[in-house]
C-alpha atoms as a PDB file:
ATOM      1  CA  MET A   1      91.445  87.257  95.143  1.00  0.00           C
ATOM      2  CA  ILE A   2      92.881  89.773  92.868  1.00  0.00           C
ATOM      3  CA  GLU A   3      94.284  93.074  93.963  1.00  0.00           C
ATOM      4  CA  ASN A   4      91.994  94.956  96.508  1.00  0.00           C
ATOM      5  CA  SER A   5      92.998  98.508  97.292  1.00  0.00           C
ATOM      6  CA  ARG A   6      90.234  98.348 100.344  1.00  0.00           C
ATOM      7  CA  GLU A   7      92.768  95.777 102.105  1.00  0.00           C
ATOM      8  CA  TYR A   8      95.837  98.199 101.605  1.00  0.00           C
ATOM      9  CA  VAL A   9      93.841 101.392 102.790  1.00  0.00           C
ATOM     10  CA  GLN A  10      92.566  99.274 105.870  1.00  0.00           C
ATOM     11  CA  ARG A  11      95.721  98.121 106.923  1.00  0.00           C
ATOM     12  CA  ASP A  12      97.173 101.850 106.363  1.00  0.00           C
ATOM     13  CA  LEU A  13      94.176 103.250 108.463  1.00  0.00           C
ATOM     14  CA  GLU A  14      94.832 100.864 111.169  1.00  0.00           C
ATOM     15  CA  PHE A  15      98.384 101.836 111.376  1.00  0.00           C
ATOM     16  CA  HIS A  16      97.377 105.646 111.334  1.00  0.00           C
ATOM     17  CA  LEU A  17      95.187 104.821 114.255  1.00  0.00           C
ATOM     18  CA  ASP A  18      97.860 103.074 116.287  1.00  0.00           C
ATOM     19  CA  GLN A  19     100.266 105.876 115.568  1.00  0.00           C
ATOM     20  CA  LEU A  20      97.899 108.405 116.503  1.00  0.00           C
ATOM     21  CA  GLU A  21      97.305 106.784 119.937  1.00  0.00           C
ATOM     22  CA  LYS A  22     101.105 106.798 120.384  1.00  0.00           C
ATOM     23  CA  PHE A  23     101.585 109.903 119.318  1.00  0.00           C
ATOM     24  CA  GLU A  24      98.896 111.851 121.512  1.00  0.00           C
ATOM     25  CA  ARG A  25     100.272 109.858 124.497  1.00  0.00           C
ATOM     26  CA  GLU A  26     103.880 111.192 123.687  1.00  0.00           C
ATOM     27  CA  LEU A  27     102.600 115.019 123.149  1.00  0.00           C
ATOM     28  CA  LYS A  28     101.206 114.869 126.793  1.00  0.00           C
ATOM     29  CA  ASP A  29     104.970 114.667 128.052  1.00  0.00           C
ATOM     30  CA  SER A  30     105.483 118.081 126.415  1.00  0.00           C
ATOM     31  CA  ARG A  31     102.092 119.860 127.518  1.00  0.00           C
ATOM     32  CA  LYS A  32     104.245 122.469 129.537  1.00  0.00           C
ATOM     33  CA  TYR A  33     105.791 123.894 126.259  1.00  0.00           C
ATOM     34  CA  LYS A  34     102.403 124.466 124.636  1.00  0.00           C
ATOM     35  CA  GLY A  35     102.300 127.528 122.840  1.00  0.00           C
ATOM     36  CA  TYR A  36     105.873 127.606 122.629  1.00  0.00           C
ATOM     37  CA  GLY A  37     107.881 127.994 119.160  1.00  0.00           C
ATOM     38  CA  LEU A  38     111.493 127.331 118.171  1.00  0.00           C
ATOM     39  CA  MET A  39     113.774 129.626 115.950  1.00  0.00           C
ATOM     40  CA  ALA A  40     117.035 128.929 114.565  1.00  0.00           C
ATOM     41  CA  CYS A  41     119.495 131.065 112.824  1.00  0.00           C
ATOM     42  CA  GLY A  42     123.252 131.463 112.479  1.00  0.00           C
ATOM     43  CA  PRO A  43     126.035 131.776 109.633  1.00  0.00           C
ATOM     44  CA  ASN A  44     127.801 128.904 107.694  1.00  0.00           C
ATOM     45  CA  GLY A  45     125.010 126.565 108.467  1.00  0.00           C
ATOM     46  CA  LYS A  46     125.503 126.698 112.210  1.00  0.00           C
ATOM     47  CA  LYS A  47     122.220 127.016 114.191  1.00  0.00           C
ATOM     48  CA  TYR A  48     121.511 129.234 117.105  1.00  0.00           C
ATOM     49  CA  PHE A  49     118.335 128.377 118.758  1.00  0.00           C
ATOM     50  CA  SER A  50     115.725 130.369 120.515  1.00  0.00           C
ATOM     51  CA  SER A  51     112.174 129.678 121.919  1.00  0.00           C
ATOM     52  CA  PHE A  52     109.432 131.971 121.982  1.00  0.00           C
ATOM     53  CA  HIS A  53     106.066 132.428 123.285  1.00  0.00           C
ATOM     54  CA  TYR A  54     103.246 135.342 123.329  1.00  0.00           C
ATOM     55  CA  HIS A  55     102.364 137.169 126.581  1.00  0.00           C
ATOM     56  CA  ASN A  56      99.713 139.911 126.316  1.00  0.00           C
ATOM     57  CA  LYS A  57     100.285 139.789 122.623  1.00  0.00           C
ATOM     58  CA  LYS A  58     103.790 140.443 122.988  1.00  0.00           C
ATOM     59  CA  ARG A  59     106.328 137.610 121.743  1.00  0.00           C
ATOM     60  CA  ILE A  60     108.680 136.900 124.519  1.00  0.00           C
ATOM     61  CA  LEU A  61     112.175 135.199 123.251  1.00  0.00           C
ATOM     62  CA  LYS A  62     114.623 133.152 125.323  1.00  0.00           C
ATOM     63  CA  TYR A  63     118.110 132.408 123.902  1.00  0.00           C
ATOM     64  CA  LEU A  64     118.804 128.598 124.208  1.00  0.00           C
ATOM     65  CA  GLY A  65     122.213 128.359 122.696  1.00  0.00           C
ATOM     66  CA  ALA A  66     124.143 126.880 119.755  1.00  0.00           C
ATOM     67  CA  GLU A  67     123.939 123.286 120.995  1.00  0.00           C
ATOM     68  CA  MET A  68     121.223 121.136 121.130  1.00  0.00           C
ATOM     69  CA  ASN A  69     119.744 121.136 124.523  1.00  0.00           C
ATOM     70  CA  LEU A  70     116.688 119.324 126.368  1.00  0.00           C
ATOM     71  CA  THR A  71     114.353 122.346 125.559  1.00  0.00           C
ATOM     72  CA  VAL A  72     115.176 122.236 121.620  1.00  0.00           C
ATOM     73  CA  GLN A  73     114.783 118.504 121.502  1.00  0.00           C
ATOM     74  CA  ILE A  74     111.246 118.763 123.297  1.00  0.00           C
ATOM     75  CA  LEU A  75     110.154 121.612 120.947  1.00  0.00           C
ATOM     76  CA  GLN A  76     111.248 119.673 117.706  1.00  0.00           C
ATOM     77  CA  LYS A  77     109.677 116.758 118.954  1.00  0.00           C
ATOM     78  CA  ARG A  78     106.525 118.296 119.732  1.00  0.00           C
ATOM     79  CA  ARG A  79     106.513 119.916 116.283  1.00  0.00           C
ATOM     80  CA  PHE A  80     107.015 116.166 114.922  1.00  0.00           C
ATOM     81  CA  LEU A  81     104.105 114.851 116.814  1.00  0.00           C
ATOM     82  CA  THR A  82     101.749 117.823 116.167  1.00  0.00           C
ATOM     83  CA  GLU A  83     102.413 117.666 112.503  1.00  0.00           C
ATOM     84  CA  SER A  84     102.050 113.762 112.104  1.00  0.00           C
ATOM     85  CA  ILE A  85      98.485 114.190 114.408  1.00  0.00           C
ATOM     86  CA  ARG A  86      97.610 116.875 111.832  1.00  0.00           C
ATOM     87  CA  ARG A  87      98.221 114.398 108.756  1.00  0.00           C
ATOM     88  CA  ILE A  88      96.668 111.518 110.428  1.00  0.00           C
ATOM     89  CA  ASN A  89      93.515 113.633 111.104  1.00  0.00           C
ATOM     90  CA  LYS A  90      93.509 114.736 107.478  1.00  0.00           C
ATOM     91  CA  ASN A  91      93.846 111.134 106.160  1.00  0.00           C
ATOM     92  CA  ARG A  92      91.507 109.434 108.384  1.00  0.00           C
ATOM     93  CA  PRO A  93      88.144 110.661 106.784  1.00  0.00           C
ATOM     94  CA  LEU A  94      89.631 110.188 103.313  1.00  0.00           C
ATOM     95  CA  MET A  95      90.542 106.656 104.110  1.00  0.00           C
ATOM     96  CA  GLU A  96      87.385 105.963 105.866  1.00  0.00           C
ATOM     97  CA  ASN A  97      85.480 107.274 102.858  1.00  0.00           C
ATOM     98  CA  PHE A  98      87.220 105.240 100.319  1.00  0.00           C
ATOM     99  CA  ILE A  99      86.927 102.201 102.487  1.00  0.00           C
ATOM    100  CA  GLU A 100      83.231 102.697 102.411  1.00  0.00           C
ATOM    101  CA  LYS A 101      82.684 103.342  98.831  1.00  0.00           C
ATOM    102  CA  TYR A 102      85.178 101.094  96.980  1.00  0.00           C
ATOM    103  CA  GLN A 103      83.949  98.366  95.074  1.00  0.00           C
ATOM    104  CA  SER A 104      85.974  95.172  94.433  1.00  0.00           C
ATOM    105  CA  LEU A 105      86.637  93.418  91.169  1.00  0.00           C
ATOM    106  CA  ASP A 106      87.170  90.015  93.051  1.00  0.00           C
ATOM    107  CA  PRO A 107      84.872  87.633  90.885  1.00  0.00           C
ATOM    108  CA  TYR A 108      83.462  86.266  94.589  1.00  0.00           C
ATOM    109  CA  ASP A 109      82.412  89.676  95.604  1.00  0.00           C
ATOM    110  CA  ILE A 110      80.777  90.442  92.167  1.00  0.00           C
ATOM    111  CA  ARG A 111      79.036  87.020  91.971  1.00  0.00           C
ATOM    112  CA  ASP A 112      77.683  87.615  95.338  1.00  0.00           C
ATOM    113  CA  ALA A 113      76.127  90.816  94.534  1.00  0.00           C
ATOM    114  CA  LEU A 114      74.357  89.600  91.640  1.00  0.00           C
ATOM    115  CA  PRO A 115      70.773  88.158  91.201  1.00  0.00           C
ATOM    116  CA  LYS A 116      70.312  84.627  91.769  1.00  0.00           C
ATOM    117  CA  ALA A 117      70.024  83.983  87.862  1.00  0.00           C
ATOM    118  CA  TYR A 118      73.644  85.570  87.198  1.00  0.00           C
ATOM    119  CA  LYS A 119      75.239  83.813  89.815  1.00  0.00           C
ATOM    120  CA  PHE A 120      77.969  82.308  87.398  1.00  0.00           C
ATOM    121  CA  THR A 121      79.947  79.100  87.944  1.00  0.00           C
ATOM    122  CA  ASP A 122      81.837  79.594  84.674  1.00  0.00           C
ATOM    123  CA  GLU A 123      85.525  79.398  85.543  1.00  0.00           C
ATOM    124  CA  SER A 124      85.969  81.744  82.332  1.00  0.00           C
ATOM    125  CA  CYS A 125      84.750  84.527  84.491  1.00  0.00           C
ATOM    126  CA  PHE A 126      87.627  83.928  86.759  1.00  0.00           C
ATOM    127  CA  ASP A 127      89.888  83.617  84.236  1.00  0.00           C
ATOM    128  CA  LEU A 128      88.969  86.851  82.505  1.00  0.00           C
ATOM    129  CA  ALA A 129      89.601  88.737  85.934  1.00  0.00           C
ATOM    130  CA  GLY A 130      93.055  86.778  86.154  1.00  0.00           C
ATOM    131  CA  ALA A 131      91.675  85.328  89.433  1.00  0.00           C
ATOM    132  CA  ILE A 132      91.776  81.641  90.532  1.00  0.00           C
ATOM    133  CA  ASP A 133      88.479  80.074  91.607  1.00  0.00           C
ATOM    134  CA  VAL A 134      89.390  78.318  94.607  1.00  0.00           C
ATOM    135  CA  GLU A 135      86.084  76.739  95.055  1.00  0.00           C
ATOM    136  CA  ASN A 136      86.579  74.860  91.765  1.00  0.00           C
ATOM    137  CA  TRP A 137      89.997  74.180  92.374  1.00  0.00           C
ATOM    138  CA  ALA A 138      89.496  72.480  95.708  1.00  0.00           C
ATOM    139  CA  LYS A 139      86.972  70.122  93.917  1.00  0.00           C
ATOM    140  CA  LYS A 140      89.153  69.124  91.124  1.00  0.00           C
ATOM    141  CA  ASP A 141      91.017  65.751  91.018  1.00  0.00           C
ATOM    142  CA  TYR A 142      94.696  65.664  90.990  1.00  0.00           C
ATOM    143  CA  ARG A 143      97.290  62.875  90.617  1.00  0.00           C
ATOM    144  CA  ARG A 144      98.705  62.063  93.982  1.00  0.00           C
ATOM    145  CA  ALA A 145     102.335  60.288  93.770  1.00  0.00           C
ATOM    146  CA  ASP A 146     102.371  56.807  95.032  1.00  0.00           C
ATOM    147  CA  MET A 147     105.837  56.466  96.304  1.00  0.00           C
ATOM    148  CA  HIS A 148     106.843  54.800  99.522  1.00  0.00           C
ATOM    149  CA  PRO A 149     103.104  54.267 100.727  1.00  0.00           C
ATOM    150  CA  GLU A 150     104.244  52.200 103.583  1.00  0.00           C
ATOM    151  CA  HIS A 151     105.850  55.407 104.939  1.00  0.00           C
ATOM    152  CA  LEU A 152     102.261  57.188 105.268  1.00  0.00           C
ATOM    153  CA  THR A 153     101.599  56.388 108.573  1.00  0.00           C
ATOM    154  CA  HIS A 154     100.062  59.465 110.147  1.00  0.00           C
ATOM    155  CA  ILE A 155      96.295  60.795 109.629  1.00  0.00           C
ATOM    156  CA  ASP A 156      95.511  64.445 109.311  1.00  0.00           C
ATOM    157  CA  ALA A 157      92.108  65.872 110.577  1.00  0.00           C
ATOM    158  CA  LYS A 158      90.525  65.142 107.292  1.00  0.00           C
ATOM    159  CA  GLY A 159      91.639  61.545 107.137  1.00  0.00           C
ATOM    160  CA  GLU A 160      94.472  62.047 104.942  1.00  0.00           C
ATOM    161  CA  LEU A 161      97.446  59.874 105.153  1.00  0.00           C
ATOM    162  CA  LEU A 162     100.783  61.667 105.623  1.00  0.00           C
ATOM    163  CA  ARG A 163     104.345  60.807 106.413  1.00  0.00           C
ATOM    164  CA  SER A 164     105.180  62.908 109.431  1.00  0.00           C
ATOM    165  CA  LYS A 165     103.586  64.214 112.471  1.00  0.00           C
ATOM    166  CA  SER A 166     104.922  67.801 111.409  1.00  0.00           C
ATOM    167  CA  GLU A 167     102.982  67.360 108.033  1.00  0.00           C
ATOM    168  CA  VAL A 168      99.895  66.687 109.935  1.00  0.00           C
ATOM    169  CA  LEU A 169     100.186  69.844 112.165  1.00  0.00           C
ATOM    170  CA  VAL A 170     100.572  71.759 108.763  1.00  0.00           C
ATOM    171  CA  ALA A 171      97.506  69.842 107.171  1.00  0.00           C
ATOM    172  CA  ASN A 172      95.345  70.487 110.265  1.00  0.00           C
ATOM    173  CA  ALA A 173      96.538  74.241 110.420  1.00  0.00           C
ATOM    174  CA  LEU A 174      95.258  74.674 106.877  1.00  0.00           C
ATOM    175  CA  ALA A 175      92.045  72.529 107.350  1.00  0.00           C
ATOM    176  CA  ALA A 176      91.209  74.634 110.579  1.00  0.00           C
ATOM    177  CA  ARG A 177      90.858  77.708 108.492  1.00  0.00           C
ATOM    178  CA  SER A 178      89.173  76.234 105.288  1.00  0.00           C
ATOM    179  CA  ILE A 179      92.184  76.486 103.307  1.00  0.00           C
ATOM    180  CA  PRO A 180      92.034  73.771 100.360  1.00  0.00           C
ATOM    181  CA  TYR A 181      95.218  71.861  99.882  1.00  0.00           C
ATOM    182  CA  ARG A 182      96.689  69.108  97.910  1.00  0.00           C
ATOM    183  CA  ILE A 183      98.994  66.485  99.080  1.00  0.00           C
ATOM    184  CA  GLU A 184     102.061  65.147  97.274  1.00  0.00           C
ATOM    185  CA  GLU A 185     100.720  66.402  93.841  1.00  0.00           C
ATOM    186  CA  ALA A 186     103.210  65.075  91.136  1.00  0.00           C
ATOM    187  CA  MET A 187     104.619  67.531  88.871  1.00  0.00           C
ATOM    188  CA  ARG A 188     107.210  67.567  86.224  1.00  0.00           C
ATOM    189  CA  ILE A 189     110.132  70.080  86.252  1.00  0.00           C
ATOM    190  CA  GLU A 190     113.027  69.629  83.739  1.00  0.00           C
ATOM    191  CA  ASN A 191     112.066  66.186  82.850  1.00  0.00           C
ATOM    192  CA  GLU A 192     112.016  64.878  86.395  1.00  0.00           C
ATOM    193  CA  THR A 193     109.015  64.201  88.779  1.00  0.00           C
ATOM    194  CA  VAL A 194     108.899  66.695  91.492  1.00  0.00           C
ATOM    195  CA  VAL A 195     106.546  65.926  94.385  1.00  0.00           C
ATOM    196  CA  PRO A 196     105.783  68.906  96.832  1.00  0.00           C
ATOM    197  CA  ASP A 197     104.530  68.134 100.518  1.00  0.00           C
ATOM    198  CA  PHE A 198     101.552  70.467  99.862  1.00  0.00           C
ATOM    199  CA  VAL A 199     100.322  72.575  97.126  1.00  0.00           C
ATOM    200  CA  VAL A 200      98.008  75.186  98.547  1.00  0.00           C
ATOM    201  CA  VAL A 201      95.917  78.232  96.894  1.00  0.00           C
ATOM    202  CA  SER A 202      96.239  81.623  98.940  1.00  0.00           C
ATOM    203  CA  GLN A 203      92.866  83.381  97.836  1.00  0.00           C
ATOM    204  CA  ARG A 204      94.595  86.599  99.137  1.00  0.00           C
ATOM    205  CA  LEU A 205      97.843  86.188  96.844  1.00  0.00           C
ATOM    206  CA  ASN A 206      95.825  84.844  93.950  1.00  0.00           C
ATOM    207  CA  ARG A 207      98.430  82.080  93.519  1.00  0.00           C
ATOM    208  CA  GLU A 208      99.315  78.434  94.110  1.00  0.00           C
ATOM    209  CA  ILE A 209     101.874  78.206  97.133  1.00  0.00           C
ATOM    210  CA  TYR A 210     104.086  75.261  97.256  1.00  0.00           C
ATOM    211  CA  TRP A 211     104.658  74.211 100.786  1.00  0.00           C
ATOM    212  CA  GLU A 212     107.760  72.013 101.477  1.00  0.00           C
ATOM    213  CA  HIS A 213     108.440  70.648 105.256  1.00  0.00           C
ATOM    214  CA  PHE A 214     112.010  69.290 105.538  1.00  0.00           C
ATOM    215  CA  GLY A 215     112.623  66.875 108.275  1.00  0.00           C
ATOM    216  CA  ARG A 216     116.303  65.395 108.609  1.00  0.00           C
ATOM    217  CA  MET A 217     118.185  68.245 107.071  1.00  0.00           C
ATOM    218  CA  PHE A 218     121.232  67.233 109.683  1.00  0.00           C
ATOM    219  CA  GLU A 219     121.446  64.412 107.367  1.00  0.00           C
ATOM    220  CA  GLU A 220     123.995  64.561 104.384  1.00  0.00           C
ATOM    221  CA  LYS A 221     122.007  62.537 102.034  1.00  0.00           C
ATOM    222  CA  TYR A 222     118.847  64.492 102.694  1.00  0.00           C
ATOM    223  CA  GLN A 223     120.608  67.779 102.444  1.00  0.00           C
ATOM    224  CA  ARG A 224     121.762  66.934  98.668  1.00  0.00           C
ATOM    225  CA  ARG A 225     118.229  65.720  98.078  1.00  0.00           C
ATOM    226  CA  TYR A 226     116.979  69.323  99.387  1.00  0.00           C
ATOM    227  CA  ALA A 227     119.592  71.377  97.484  1.00  0.00           C
ATOM    228  CA  HIS A 228     118.428  69.438  94.174  1.00  0.00           C
ATOM    229  CA  LYS A 229     114.951  69.890  94.857  1.00  0.00           C
ATOM    230  CA  MET A 230     115.619  73.534  95.578  1.00  0.00           C
ATOM    231  CA  LEU A 231     117.349  73.988  92.355  1.00  0.00           C
ATOM    232  CA  LEU A 232     114.391  72.583  90.318  1.00  0.00           C
ATOM    233  CA  TYR A 233     111.843  74.609  91.996  1.00  0.00           C
ATOM    234  CA  ALA A 234     114.085  77.772  91.082  1.00  0.00           C
ATOM    235  CA  GLN A 235     114.137  76.630  87.528  1.00  0.00           C
ATOM    236  CA  ALA A 236     110.290  76.616  87.418  1.00  0.00           C
ATOM    237  CA  GLY A 237     109.865  79.889  89.055  1.00  0.00           C
ATOM    238  CA  ILE A 238     108.897  78.574  92.649  1.00  0.00           C
ATOM    239  CA  LEU A 239     110.825  80.725  94.938  1.00  0.00           C
ATOM    240  CA  PRO A 240     110.749  81.005  98.652  1.00  0.00           C
ATOM    241  CA  GLY A 241     108.757  83.843  99.911  1.00  0.00           C
ATOM    242  CA  TYR A 242     106.977  84.462  96.653  1.00  0.00           C
ATOM    243  CA  ASN A 243     104.990  81.168  95.941  1.00  0.00           C
ATOM    244  CA  MET A 244     106.757  78.686  98.175  1.00  0.00           C
ATOM    245  CA  ILE A 245     106.873  78.256 101.859  1.00  0.00           C
ATOM    246  CA  THR A 246     109.291  76.128 103.783  1.00  0.00           C
ATOM    247  CA  THR A 247     109.420  74.605 107.249  1.00  0.00           C
ATOM    248  CA  PHE A 248     111.844  72.703 109.224  1.00  0.00           C
ATOM    249  CA  ASP A 249     112.382  70.182 112.026  1.00  0.00           C
ATOM    250  CA  ASP A 250     114.931  70.726 114.579  1.00  0.00           C
ATOM    251  CA  ARG A 251     117.690  68.217 115.049  1.00  0.00           C
ATOM    252  CA  LYS A 252     115.172  66.176 117.547  1.00  0.00           C
ATOM    253  CA  GLY A 253     112.493  65.852 114.853  1.00  0.00           C
ATOM    254  CA  ASN A 254     110.345  68.686 116.300  1.00  0.00           C
ATOM    255  CA  ILE A 255     108.497  71.612 114.748  1.00  0.00           C
ATOM    256  CA  ASP A 256     107.410  74.961 116.356  1.00  0.00           C
ATOM    257  CA  ALA A 257     104.041  75.220 115.599  1.00  0.00           C
ATOM    258  CA  ARG A 258     104.177  78.819 115.771  1.00  0.00           C
ATOM    259  CA  ASP A 259     106.398  78.700 112.463  1.00  0.00           C
ATOM    260  CA  ILE A 260     103.458  77.451 110.815  1.00  0.00           C
ATOM    261  CA  GLU A 261     101.177  80.106 111.974  1.00  0.00           C
ATOM    262  CA  ARG A 262     103.557  82.758 111.058  1.00  0.00           C
ATOM    263  CA  MET A 263     103.573  81.368 107.395  1.00  0.00           C
ATOM    264  CA  ILE A 264      99.741  80.990 107.430  1.00  0.00           C
ATOM    265  CA  ARG A 265      99.259  84.677 108.432  1.00  0.00           C
ATOM    266  CA  ALA A 266     102.074  85.827 106.018  1.00  0.00           C
ATOM    267  CA  PHE A 267     100.704  83.954 102.780  1.00  0.00           C
ATOM    268  CA  PHE A 268      96.885  83.404 103.423  1.00  0.00           C
END
């Protein structure tokens, strides 16, 4: 998927609505001050506060003092809340209108809207749009590394052989969301063969993501292999948090499945 402004506006709208509920709830705590205003004056930047309200069209002043007190804080907070609510109520229809009328340039969205005869399969349409054709990517053959096949003793939900139970958890979490992945696809970096545990396409981010799971980080030899591999990745522009996910086992060889879920939500 290429950049889609609707998603950003939708998330911003959801944030606005959450804030609206919170601000309106907080505003109830200051209801006895409804109609009250706040004045501040004083020389050399020092502030002297007074509150005011109107009674029979006459403005009634009450001196509150030079120091901050509870009434000043309540009135300032009330003004912050009312101004925030005003802005939310102004922004809300603008965002809702934008979301309703926005037309995505995602090739999948465009293809779905076209008549049957024009529903393209040519990857060049995706290339022109700067998008990855995830469907074709998932169908393409790739060269899987053949190192140490005797260690492939675990099977994921798709019937693929993997090296650890933790890798099975990662694979099954991806498969459950119909996210295509490649296992141990061999690649060349700086004249060395590098084998990531998974290569996955993020349609939301429109990029390939390299997912490495590290299982024996407490072993010195494994740590050296980890450091060397991460250096090679960095030289190829493959960086954690951008186009790379790293997960780890603990010292007992266990993984927290919630870490996998958090990574999937963040990247996919």
